[in-house]
């Protein structure tokens, strides 16, 4: 049960941070284009890319299903 509470807390903190960044950027650059959403999504892609690169260094063989899924993402 504690695992689910930690996941819920992380999701809540993440959504608050995403809202804060989005509204801060929108306040500075205007709302004609969602620059805040763009910034958050690009940042997340960079973090995911570095994480997968770091975590994949110790793996000798990547299963074909994972490899094809990663190609679809990137």
Protein backbone atom coordinates (compact mmCIF):
# COMPACT_ATOMS: atom_id res chain seq x y z
CA UNK A 1 0.00 0.00 0.00
CA UNK A 2 2.87 2.38 0.74
CA UNK A 3 4.12 1.95 -2.83
CA UNK A 4 0.79 3.23 -4.20
CA UNK A 5 0.81 6.21 -1.87
CA UNK A 6 4.32 7.14 -2.99
CA UNK A 7 3.27 6.85 -6.64
CA UNK A 8 0.23 9.05 -5.96
CA UNK A 9 2.36 11.62 -4.14
CA UNK A 10 4.89 11.69 -6.99
CA UNK A 11 2.10 12.15 -9.52
CA UNK A 12 0.59 14.97 -7.52
CA UNK A 13 3.94 16.75 -7.18
CA UNK A 14 4.67 16.25 -10.86
CA UNK A 15 1.33 17.65 -11.96
CA UNK A 16 1.74 20.67 -9.68
CA UNK A 17 5.23 21.30 -11.08
CA UNK A 18 3.95 20.95 -14.65
CA UNK A 19 1.13 23.40 -13.96
CA UNK A 20 3.51 25.87 -12.31
CA UNK A 21 6.01 25.77 -15.19
CA UNK A 22 3.25 26.05 -17.78
CA UNK A 23 1.55 28.99 -16.11
CA UNK A 24 4.86 30.77 -15.44
CA UNK A 25 5.95 30.48 -19.07
CA UNK A 26 2.47 31.47 -20.30
CA UNK A 27 2.57 34.54 -18.07
CA UNK A 28 5.89 35.62 -19.57
CA UNK A 29 5.41 34.68 -23.21
CA UNK A 30 1.65 34.88 -23.66
CA UNK A 31 -0.93 32.22 -24.39
CA UNK A 32 -1.01 32.29 -28.20
CA UNK A 33 1.22 29.19 -28.25
CA UNK A 34 1.62 26.70 -25.36
CA UNK A 35 5.33 27.30 -24.76
CA UNK A 36 5.07 25.94 -21.22
CA UNK A 37 3.79 22.60 -22.45
CA UNK A 38 6.49 22.52 -25.13
CA UNK A 39 9.21 23.20 -22.54
CA UNK A 40 7.92 20.54 -20.15
CA UNK A 41 7.63 17.93 -22.92
CA UNK A 42 11.10 18.61 -24.32
CA UNK A 43 12.59 18.47 -20.82
CA UNK A 44 10.86 15.15 -20.18
CA UNK A 45 12.17 13.74 -23.47
CA UNK A 46 15.72 14.72 -22.57
CA UNK A 47 15.41 13.17 -19.10
CA UNK A 48 13.95 9.96 -20.53
CA UNK A 49 16.68 9.79 -23.17
CA UNK A 50 19.49 10.21 -20.65
CA UNK A 51 17.85 7.74 -18.26
CA UNK A 52 17.45 5.06 -20.93
CA UNK A 53 21.02 5.60 -22.11
CA UNK A 54 22.37 5.34 -18.57
CA UNK A 55 20.23 2.33 -17.65
CA UNK A 56 20.97 0.57 -20.95
CA UNK A 57 24.74 0.61 -20.51
CA UNK A 58 24.73 -2.49 -18.31
CA UNK A 59 22.41 -4.45 -20.59
CA UNK A 60 24.10 -6.83 -22.99
CA UNK A 61 20.96 -7.58 -25.02
CA UNK A 62 17.87 -5.44 -25.44
CA UNK A 63 14.75 -7.49 -26.21
CA UNK A 64 13.30 -6.86 -29.67
CA UNK A 65 9.97 -5.70 -28.23
CA UNK A 66 11.65 -3.01 -26.13
CA UNK A 67 13.85 -1.94 -29.03
CA UNK A 68 10.93 -1.53 -31.42
CA UNK A 69 8.93 0.34 -28.76
CA UNK A 70 11.79 2.77 -28.20
CA UNK A 71 12.09 3.40 -31.94
CA UNK A 72 8.42 4.34 -32.07
CA UNK A 73 8.91 6.82 -29.22
CA UNK A 74 11.90 8.56 -30.67
